[in-house]
């Protein structure tokens, strides 16, 4: 049962990290090459959709990482350091998201094609920069989780 939990935790964490990486590396650079009207429309739709879905994904992954860590701790009577470090980084990514990226994302989700704010491109660039930092943090958390489940 522990192995199944570990696999599920790694798979879901990998899916979230992969999604966030794809947004940073492919989706947003592609949006930046679009004409402003199309960019605004796509960015608003994506912000609305992903802003509603990703909190559940982040929470689920944190729950799975925590469960894997608790099971390992209970089985071995010592703190699984890699998994604990992954959970801490995942919490930091959630806090970072809530305090910095979610407010920007909520503004982007509310934009309409006819009335974007004057500084909309600057705001999108700011979000992209913060998103790349979050992707780096999540990638390290994913690596730590992976190390935690493959080492004893």
C-alpha atoms as a PDB file:
ATOM      1  CA  UNK A   1       0.000   0.000   0.000  1.00  0.00           C
ATOM      2  CA  UNK A   2       2.896   2.385   0.740  1.00  0.00           C
ATOM      3  CA  UNK A   3       4.249   1.905  -2.766  1.00  0.00           C
ATOM      4  CA  UNK A   4       0.878   2.771  -4.291  1.00  0.00           C
ATOM      5  CA  UNK A   5       0.693   5.953  -2.212  1.00  0.00           C
ATOM      6  CA  UNK A   6       4.221   6.873  -3.274  1.00  0.00           C
ATOM      7  CA  UNK A   7       3.444   6.309  -6.946  1.00  0.00           C
ATOM      8  CA  UNK A   8       0.217   8.311  -6.764  1.00  0.00           C
ATOM      9  CA  UNK A   9       2.024  11.170  -4.976  1.00  0.00           C
ATOM     10  CA  UNK A  10       4.824  11.232  -7.559  1.00  0.00           C
ATOM     11  CA  UNK A  11       2.433  10.991 -10.517  1.00  0.00           C
ATOM     12  CA  UNK A  12       0.172  13.808  -9.330  1.00  0.00           C
ATOM     13  CA  UNK A  13       3.097  16.017  -8.317  1.00  0.00           C
ATOM     14  CA  UNK A  14       4.658  15.360 -11.726  1.00  0.00           C
ATOM     15  CA  UNK A  15       1.439  16.289 -13.498  1.00  0.00           C
ATOM     16  CA  UNK A  16       1.156  19.592 -11.626  1.00  0.00           C
ATOM     17  CA  UNK A  17       4.821  20.469 -12.120  1.00  0.00           C
ATOM     18  CA  UNK A  18       4.625  19.458 -15.784  1.00  0.00           C
ATOM     19  CA  UNK A  19       1.564  21.611 -16.307  1.00  0.00           C
ATOM     20  CA  UNK A  20       3.210  24.609 -14.671  1.00  0.00           C
ATOM     21  CA  UNK A  21       6.382  24.066 -16.698  1.00  0.00           C
ATOM     22  CA  UNK A  22       4.359  23.859 -19.933  1.00  0.00           C
ATOM     23  CA  UNK A  23       2.656  27.144 -19.113  1.00  0.00           C
ATOM     24  CA  UNK A  24       6.010  28.841 -18.458  1.00  0.00           C
ATOM     25  CA  UNK A  25       7.897  27.322 -21.386  1.00  0.00           C
ATOM     26  CA  UNK A  26       5.270  27.030 -24.112  1.00  0.00           C
ATOM     27  CA  UNK A  27       1.830  28.519 -23.424  1.00  0.00           C
ATOM     28  CA  UNK A  28       2.743  32.028 -22.264  1.00  0.00           C
ATOM     29  CA  UNK A  29       5.557  32.527 -24.794  1.00  0.00           C
ATOM     30  CA  UNK A  30       3.052  31.571 -27.492  1.00  0.00           C
ATOM     31  CA  UNK A  31       0.457  33.989 -26.097  1.00  0.00           C
ATOM     32  CA  UNK A  32       3.072  36.754 -26.118  1.00  0.00           C
ATOM     33  CA  UNK A  33       3.439  36.317 -29.884  1.00  0.00           C
ATOM     34  CA  UNK A  34      -0.291  36.725 -30.509  1.00  0.00           C
ATOM     35  CA  UNK A  35      -2.021  39.929 -31.485  1.00  0.00           C
ATOM     36  CA  UNK A  36      -3.118  41.839 -28.360  1.00  0.00           C
ATOM     37  CA  UNK A  37      -6.831  41.082 -28.696  1.00  0.00           C
ATOM     38  CA  UNK A  38      -6.264  37.333 -29.042  1.00  0.00           C
ATOM     39  CA  UNK A  39      -3.674  37.373 -26.264  1.00  0.00           C
ATOM     40  CA  UNK A  40      -6.071  39.088 -23.874  1.00  0.00           C
ATOM     41  CA  UNK A  41      -8.902  36.718 -24.666  1.00  0.00           C
ATOM     42  CA  UNK A  42      -6.786  33.575 -24.282  1.00  0.00           C
ATOM     43  CA  UNK A  43      -5.019  34.846 -21.147  1.00  0.00           C
ATOM     44  CA  UNK A  44      -8.303  35.697 -19.464  1.00  0.00           C
ATOM     45  CA  UNK A  45      -9.848  32.323 -20.324  1.00  0.00           C
ATOM     46  CA  UNK A  46      -6.787  30.405 -19.130  1.00  0.00           C
ATOM     47  CA  UNK A  47      -6.552  32.434 -15.910  1.00  0.00           C
ATOM     48  CA  UNK A  48     -10.197  31.735 -15.164  1.00  0.00           C
ATOM     49  CA  UNK A  49      -9.963  28.002 -15.896  1.00  0.00           C
ATOM     50  CA  UNK A  50      -6.608  27.265 -14.271  1.00  0.00           C
ATOM     51  CA  UNK A  51      -7.289  29.610 -11.372  1.00  0.00           C
ATOM     52  CA  UNK A  52     -10.283  27.430 -10.525  1.00  0.00           C
ATOM     53  CA  UNK A  53      -8.624  24.045 -11.018  1.00  0.00           C
ATOM     54  CA  UNK A  54      -5.041  24.413  -9.815  1.00  0.00           C
ATOM     55  CA  UNK A  55      -5.794  25.125  -6.127  1.00  0.00           C
ATOM     56  CA  UNK A  56      -7.363  21.669  -5.875  1.00  0.00           C
ATOM     57  CA  UNK A  57      -4.369  20.102  -7.615  1.00  0.00           C
ATOM     58  CA  UNK A  58      -1.898  21.851  -5.332  1.00  0.00           C
ATOM     59  CA  UNK A  59      -3.900  20.843  -2.255  1.00  0.00           C
ATOM     60  CA  UNK A  60      -4.189  17.242  -3.404  1.00  0.00           C
ATOM     61  CA  UNK A  61      -0.453  16.982  -4.024  1.00  0.00           C
ATOM     62  CA  UNK A  62       0.352  18.491  -0.627  1.00  0.00           C
ATOM     63  CA  UNK A  63      -2.029  16.000   0.990  1.00  0.00           C
ATOM     64  CA  UNK A  64      -0.412  13.085  -0.894  1.00  0.00           C
ATOM     65  CA  UNK A  65       3.128  14.214  -0.028  1.00  0.00           C
ATOM     66  CA  UNK A  66       2.138  14.623   3.613  1.00  0.00           C
ATOM     67  CA  UNK A  67       0.480  11.203   3.688  1.00  0.00           C
ATOM     68  CA  UNK A  68       3.541   9.576   2.113  1.00  0.00           C
ATOM     69  CA  UNK A  69       5.759  11.285   4.679  1.00  0.00           C
ATOM     70  CA  UNK A  70       3.557  10.255   7.608  1.00  0.00           C
ATOM     71  CA  UNK A  71       3.418   6.634   6.453  1.00  0.00           C
ATOM     72  CA  UNK A  72       7.197   6.523   6.012  1.00  0.00           C
ATOM     73  CA  UNK A  73       7.725   8.175   9.399  1.00  0.00           C
ATOM     74  CA  UNK A  74       5.379   5.687  11.077  1.00  0.00           C
ATOM     75  CA  UNK A  75       7.109   2.718   9.411  1.00  0.00           C
ATOM     76  CA  UNK A  76      10.688   3.774  10.139  1.00  0.00           C
ATOM     77  CA  UNK A  77      10.422   5.925  13.279  1.00  0.00           C
ATOM     78  CA  UNK A  78      12.526   8.648  11.682  1.00  0.00           C
ATOM     79  CA  UNK A  79      11.546  11.731   9.755  1.00  0.00           C
ATOM     80  CA  UNK A  80      11.762  11.159   5.988  1.00  0.00           C
ATOM     81  CA  UNK A  81      13.866  14.244   5.262  1.00  0.00           C
ATOM     82  CA  UNK A  82      13.490  14.335   1.472  1.00  0.00           C
ATOM     83  CA  UNK A  83       9.708  14.002   1.687  1.00  0.00           C
ATOM     84  CA  UNK A  84       9.510  16.536   4.522  1.00  0.00           C
ATOM     85  CA  UNK A  85      11.609  18.985   2.497  1.00  0.00           C
ATOM     86  CA  UNK A  86       9.311  18.424  -0.487  1.00  0.00           C
ATOM     87  CA  UNK A  87       6.242  19.160   1.641  1.00  0.00           C
ATOM     88  CA  UNK A  88       7.840  22.340   3.008  1.00  0.00           C
ATOM     89  CA  UNK A  89       8.702  23.556  -0.496  1.00  0.00           C
ATOM     90  CA  UNK A  90       5.190  22.692  -1.682  1.00  0.00           C
ATOM     91  CA  UNK A  91       3.737  24.789   1.171  1.00  0.00           C
ATOM     92  CA  UNK A  92       6.082  27.651   0.243  1.00  0.00           C
ATOM     93  CA  UNK A  93       4.900  27.411  -3.384  1.00  0.00           C
ATOM     94  CA  UNK A  94       1.275  27.571  -2.236  1.00  0.00           C
ATOM     95  CA  UNK A  95       1.940  30.600  -0.022  1.00  0.00           C
ATOM     96  CA  UNK A  96       3.919  32.253  -2.846  1.00  0.00           C
ATOM     97  CA  UNK A  97       1.036  31.598  -5.227  1.00  0.00           C
ATOM     98  CA  UNK A  98      -1.640  32.929  -2.889  1.00  0.00           C
ATOM     99  CA  UNK A  99       0.235  36.072  -1.924  1.00  0.00           C
ATOM    100  CA  UNK A 100       1.827  37.052  -5.238  1.00  0.00           C
ATOM    101  CA  UNK A 101       0.378  35.243  -8.238  1.00  0.00           C
ATOM    102  CA  UNK A 102      -3.294  34.742  -7.370  1.00  0.00           C
ATOM    103  CA  UNK A 103      -4.023  38.487  -7.069  1.00  0.00           C
ATOM    104  CA  UNK A 104      -2.489  39.058 -10.505  1.00  0.00           C
ATOM    105  CA  UNK A 105      -4.267  36.001 -11.912  1.00  0.00           C
ATOM    106  CA  UNK A 106      -7.609  37.251 -10.597  1.00  0.00           C
ATOM    107  CA  UNK A 107      -7.080  40.587 -12.345  1.00  0.00           C
ATOM    108  CA  UNK A 108      -6.188  38.825 -15.604  1.00  0.00           C
ATOM    109  CA  UNK A 109      -9.277  36.604 -15.342  1.00  0.00           C
ATOM    110  CA  UNK A 110     -11.498  39.688 -15.075  1.00  0.00           C
ATOM    111  CA  UNK A 111     -10.168  41.455 -18.176  1.00  0.00           C
ATOM    112  CA  UNK A 112     -12.333  41.904 -21.193  1.00  0.00           C
ATOM    113  CA  UNK A 113     -11.118  42.497 -24.703  1.00  0.00           C
ATOM    114  CA  UNK A 114     -12.710  45.911 -24.763  1.00  0.00           C
ATOM    115  CA  UNK A 115     -11.354  47.242 -21.471  1.00  0.00           C
ATOM    116  CA  UNK A 116      -7.948  45.899 -20.457  1.00  0.00           C
ATOM    117  CA  UNK A 117      -5.912  48.055 -18.083  1.00  0.00           C
ATOM    118  CA  UNK A 118      -3.220  50.192 -19.672  1.00  0.00           C
ATOM    119  CA  UNK A 119      -0.433  48.273 -17.912  1.00  0.00           C
ATOM    120  CA  UNK A 120      -1.751  44.817 -18.861  1.00  0.00           C
ATOM    121  CA  UNK A 121       1.453  43.691 -20.614  1.00  0.00           C
ATOM    122  CA  UNK A 122       3.611  44.774 -17.675  1.00  0.00           C
ATOM    123  CA  UNK A 123       1.337  42.866 -15.322  1.00  0.00           C
ATOM    124  CA  UNK A 124       1.510  39.742 -17.506  1.00  0.00           C
ATOM    125  CA  UNK A 125       5.322  39.985 -17.595  1.00  0.00           C
ATOM    126  CA  UNK A 126       5.393  40.303 -13.808  1.00  0.00           C
ATOM    127  CA  UNK A 127       3.198  37.201 -13.452  1.00  0.00           C
ATOM    128  CA  UNK A 128       5.402  35.278 -15.879  1.00  0.00           C
ATOM    129  CA  UNK A 129       8.529  36.129 -13.886  1.00  0.00           C
ATOM    130  CA  UNK A 130       6.937  35.008 -10.629  1.00  0.00           C
ATOM    131  CA  UNK A 131       5.570  31.916 -12.327  1.00  0.00           C
ATOM    132  CA  UNK A 132       9.058  30.882 -13.475  1.00  0.00           C
ATOM    133  CA  UNK A 133      10.256  31.209  -9.866  1.00  0.00           C
ATOM    134  CA  UNK A 134       7.357  29.025  -8.725  1.00  0.00           C
ATOM    135  CA  UNK A 135       8.133  26.442 -11.398  1.00  0.00           C
ATOM    136  CA  UNK A 136      11.731  26.261 -10.136  1.00  0.00           C
ATOM    137  CA  UNK A 137      10.495  25.805  -6.567  1.00  0.00           C
ATOM    138  CA  UNK A 138       8.012  23.104  -7.598  1.00  0.00           C
ATOM    139  CA  UNK A 139      10.634  21.299  -9.676  1.00  0.00           C
ATOM    140  CA  UNK A 140      12.930  21.102  -6.657  1.00  0.00           C
ATOM    141  CA  UNK A 141      10.000  19.916  -4.499  1.00  0.00           C
ATOM    142  CA  UNK A 142       9.240  17.228  -7.094  1.00  0.00           C
ATOM    143  CA  UNK A 143      12.880  16.108  -7.156  1.00  0.00           C
ATOM    144  CA  UNK A 144      12.929  15.930  -3.345  1.00  0.00           C
ATOM    145  CA  UNK A 145       9.705  13.891  -3.338  1.00  0.00           C
ATOM    146  CA  UNK A 146      11.160  11.516  -5.900  1.00  0.00           C
ATOM    147  CA  UNK A 147      14.344  11.114  -3.836  1.00  0.00           C
ATOM    148  CA  UNK A 148      12.226  10.517  -0.757  1.00  0.00           C
ATOM    149  CA  UNK A 149      10.201   7.703  -2.243  1.00  0.00           C
ATOM    150  CA  UNK A 150      13.156   5.893  -3.843  1.00  0.00           C
ATOM    151  CA  UNK A 151      15.532   6.069  -0.859  1.00  0.00           C
ATOM    152  CA  UNK A 152      15.112   4.464   2.521  1.00  0.00           C
END
